[in-house]
C-alpha atoms as a PDB file:
ATOM      1  CA  MET A   1      -1.514  37.609   2.649  1.00  0.00           C
ATOM      2  CA  THR A   2       0.754  34.999   1.025  1.00  0.00           C
ATOM      3  CA  THR A   3       1.095  34.757  -2.818  1.00  0.00           C
ATOM      4  CA  ARG A   4       1.012  31.452  -4.908  1.00  0.00           C
ATOM      5  CA  GLN A   5       4.905  32.055  -5.291  1.00  0.00           C
ATOM      6  CA  ASP A   6       5.207  31.890  -1.346  1.00  0.00           C
ATOM      7  CA  GLU A   7       3.190  28.695  -1.444  1.00  0.00           C
ATOM      8  CA  SER A   8       4.925  26.823  -3.762  1.00  0.00           C
ATOM      9  CA  SER A   9       8.272  27.625  -2.520  1.00  0.00           C
ATOM     10  CA  GLU A  10       7.132  26.662   0.906  1.00  0.00           C
ATOM     11  CA  TYR A  11       6.057  23.171  -0.525  1.00  0.00           C
ATOM     12  CA  GLU A  12       9.061  22.810  -2.359  1.00  0.00           C
ATOM     13  CA  ARG A  13      10.949  23.542   0.814  1.00  0.00           C
ATOM     14  CA  VAL A  14       9.324  20.987   2.853  1.00  0.00           C
ATOM     15  CA  GLN A  15       9.435  18.367   0.157  1.00  0.00           C
ATOM     16  CA  ALA A  16      13.414  18.709  -0.130  1.00  0.00           C
ATOM     17  CA  GLY A  17      13.479  18.485   3.703  1.00  0.00           C
ATOM     18  CA  PRO A  18      14.791  15.507   5.556  1.00  0.00           C
ATOM     19  CA  GLU A  19      11.351  14.566   7.155  1.00  0.00           C
ATOM     20  CA  PHE A  20       9.500  14.618   3.777  1.00  0.00           C
ATOM     21  CA  GLN A  21      11.782  12.477   2.539  1.00  0.00           C
ATOM     22  CA  GLU A  22      11.734   9.841   5.009  1.00  0.00           C
ATOM     23  CA  LEU A  23       8.015  10.132   4.942  1.00  0.00           C
ATOM     24  CA  ARG A  24       8.450   8.899   1.028  1.00  0.00           C
ATOM     25  CA  ARG A  25      11.182   6.151   2.279  1.00  0.00           C
ATOM     26  CA  ARG A  26       8.851   4.723   4.692  1.00  0.00           C
ATOM     27  CA  TYR A  27       5.873   4.606   2.199  1.00  0.00           C
ATOM     28  CA  ARG A  28       7.978   3.330  -1.042  1.00  0.00           C
ATOM     29  CA  ASN A  29       9.611   0.594   1.364  1.00  0.00           C
ATOM     30  CA  TRP A  30       6.144  -0.807   2.184  1.00  0.00           C
ATOM     31  CA  ALA A  31       4.125  -0.204  -1.057  1.00  0.00           C
ATOM     32  CA  PHE A  32       6.337  -1.269  -3.337  1.00  0.00           C
ATOM     33  CA  PRO A  33       7.424  -4.603  -2.296  1.00  0.00           C
ATOM     34  CA  VAL A  34       3.676  -5.589  -1.167  1.00  0.00           C
ATOM     35  CA  THR A  35       2.313  -4.134  -4.531  1.00  0.00           C
ATOM     36  CA  VAL A  36       4.760  -6.544  -6.395  1.00  0.00           C
ATOM     37  CA  GLY A  37       3.856  -9.328  -4.055  1.00  0.00           C
ATOM     38  CA  PHE A  38       0.224  -9.140  -4.566  1.00  0.00           C
ATOM     39  CA  LEU A  39       0.822  -8.658  -8.521  1.00  0.00           C
ATOM     40  CA  VAL A  40       2.730 -12.069  -8.725  1.00  0.00           C
ATOM     41  CA  TRP A  41      -0.161 -13.692  -6.800  1.00  0.00           C
ATOM     42  CA  TYR A  42      -2.597 -12.612  -8.803  1.00  0.00           C
ATOM     43  CA  LEU A  43      -0.764 -13.335 -11.765  1.00  0.00           C
ATOM     44  CA  LEU A  44      -0.151 -16.916 -10.757  1.00  0.00           C
ATOM     45  CA  TYR A  45      -3.940 -17.410  -9.884  1.00  0.00           C
ATOM     46  CA  VAL A  46      -4.612 -16.193 -13.889  1.00  0.00           C
ATOM     47  CA  VAL A  47      -1.759 -17.999 -15.299  1.00  0.00           C
ATOM     48  CA  LEU A  48      -2.767 -21.452 -13.597  1.00  0.00           C
ATOM     49  CA  SER A  49      -6.534 -20.820 -14.347  1.00  0.00           C
ATOM     50  CA  GLY A  50      -5.474 -20.535 -18.053  1.00  0.00           C
ATOM     51  CA  TRP A  51      -2.449 -23.279 -18.439  1.00  0.00           C
ATOM     52  CA  ALA A  52      -3.122 -25.551 -15.518  1.00  0.00           C
ATOM     53  CA  ARG A  53      -6.606 -26.384 -15.664  1.00  0.00           C
ATOM     54  CA  GLY A  54      -6.141 -29.778 -14.466  1.00  0.00           C
ATOM     55  CA  PHE A  55      -4.666 -28.421 -11.056  1.00  0.00           C
ATOM     56  CA  MET A  56      -7.095 -25.734 -10.624  1.00  0.00           C
ATOM     57  CA  GLY A  57      -9.832 -28.052 -11.000  1.00  0.00           C
ATOM     58  CA  THR A  58      -8.759 -30.682  -8.602  1.00  0.00           C
ATOM     59  CA  GLN A  59     -11.319 -31.326  -6.036  1.00  0.00           C
ATOM     60  CA  VAL A  60     -10.337 -30.918  -2.761  1.00  0.00           C
ATOM     61  CA  PHE A  61     -13.593 -31.418  -0.963  1.00  0.00           C
ATOM     62  CA  GLY A  62     -17.135 -31.618  -2.193  1.00  0.00           C
ATOM     63  CA  ASN A  63     -17.629 -29.112  -5.095  1.00  0.00           C
ATOM     64  CA  VAL A  64     -14.675 -26.863  -3.769  1.00  0.00           C
ATOM     65  CA  ASN A  65     -11.643 -27.123  -6.033  1.00  0.00           C
ATOM     66  CA  VAL A  66      -8.514 -25.413  -6.033  1.00  0.00           C
ATOM     67  CA  ALA A  67      -9.487 -22.561  -8.395  1.00  0.00           C
ATOM     68  CA  LEU A  68     -12.551 -21.500  -5.832  1.00  0.00           C
ATOM     69  CA  ILE A  69     -10.184 -21.982  -2.784  1.00  0.00           C
ATOM     70  CA  PHE A  70      -7.356 -19.323  -4.570  1.00  0.00           C
ATOM     71  CA  GLY A  71     -10.074 -17.113  -5.809  1.00  0.00           C
ATOM     72  CA  PHE A  72     -11.461 -17.018  -2.359  1.00  0.00           C
ATOM     73  CA  LEU A  73      -7.782 -16.270  -1.359  1.00  0.00           C
ATOM     74  CA  GLN A  74      -7.686 -13.279  -3.420  1.00  0.00           C
ATOM     75  CA  PHE A  75     -10.031 -11.524  -1.581  1.00  0.00           C
ATOM     76  CA  VAL A  76      -8.716 -12.534   1.603  1.00  0.00           C
ATOM     77  CA  SER A  77      -5.136 -11.054   0.666  1.00  0.00           C
ATOM     78  CA  THR A  78      -6.751  -7.905  -0.615  1.00  0.00           C
ATOM     79  CA  PHE A  79      -8.447  -7.551   2.984  1.00  0.00           C
ATOM     80  CA  LEU A  80      -5.409  -8.499   4.943  1.00  0.00           C
ATOM     81  CA  ILE A  81      -2.996  -5.783   2.821  1.00  0.00           C
ATOM     82  CA  ALA A  82      -5.510  -3.374   3.339  1.00  0.00           C
ATOM     83  CA  TRP A  83      -5.540  -3.838   7.199  1.00  0.00           C
ATOM     84  CA  ALA A  84      -1.671  -4.121   7.225  1.00  0.00           C
ATOM     85  CA  TYR A  85      -1.485  -1.233   5.416  1.00  0.00           C
ATOM     86  CA  ALA A  86      -3.910   0.683   7.732  1.00  0.00           C
ATOM     87  CA  ARG A  87      -1.889  -0.147  10.566  1.00  0.00           C
ATOM     88  CA  HIS A  88       1.531   0.478   8.645  1.00  0.00           C
ATOM     89  CA  ALA A  89       0.139   4.297   8.081  1.00  0.00           C
ATOM     90  CA  ASP A  90      -1.102   4.505  11.685  1.00  0.00           C
ATOM     91  CA  LYS A  91       2.348   3.611  13.357  1.00  0.00           C
ATOM     92  CA  LYS A  92       4.926   4.885  10.686  1.00  0.00           C
ATOM     93  CA  LEU A  93       3.349   7.521   8.103  1.00  0.00           C
ATOM     94  CA  ASP A  94       0.565   9.451  10.118  1.00  0.00           C
ATOM     95  CA  PRO A  95       2.709  10.620  12.769  1.00  0.00           C
ATOM     96  CA  LEU A  96       5.363  12.100  10.616  1.00  0.00           C
ATOM     97  CA  SER A  97       2.597  13.596   7.850  1.00  0.00           C
ATOM     98  CA  ASP A  98       0.687  15.118  10.954  1.00  0.00           C
ATOM     99  CA  LYS A  99       4.128  16.771  12.177  1.00  0.00           C
ATOM    100  CA  LEU A 100       4.874  17.721   8.399  1.00  0.00           C
ATOM    101  CA  ARG A 101       1.424  19.007   8.095  1.00  0.00           C
ATOM    102  CA  GLY A 102       1.521  21.070  11.378  1.00  0.00           C
ATOM    103  CA  GLU A 103       4.710  22.927  10.430  1.00  0.00           C
ATOM    104  CA  MET A 104       3.063  23.798   7.197  1.00  0.00           C
ATOM    105  CA  GLU A 105      -0.047  24.899   8.919  1.00  0.00           C
ATOM    106  CA  GLY A 106       2.063  26.707  11.793  1.00  0.00           C
ATOM    107  CA  THR A 107       0.519  24.456  14.449  1.00  0.00           C
ATOM    108  CA  SER A 108       3.146  22.536  15.163  1.00  0.00           C
ATOM    109  CA  ASN A 109       2.847  20.660  19.043  1.00  0.00           C
ATOM    110  CA  GLU A 110       6.762  20.096  19.737  1.00  0.00           C
END
């Protein structure tokens, strides 16, 4: 039977290891730039909506204006980011996290 202290020290050992650090690096190198980019894109939409009403109200075709297109692109970019993250996780994060989990659970298939 493992004690709580044993489990804690095992988690700390894995967390300090190079593979876990690599997993964190891969996640941060993808998530932080994409998050900053999306926030800039979102804030651009908000700022333009508040202070560039003439530009945002420009009719593109029919009753569709620039603001409507930008609003629609907010949804599109959200779904594209989710899709891209799923691909990134499948290729770069999941194999390494599965390996670490296997090591922790004692079911590593190396």
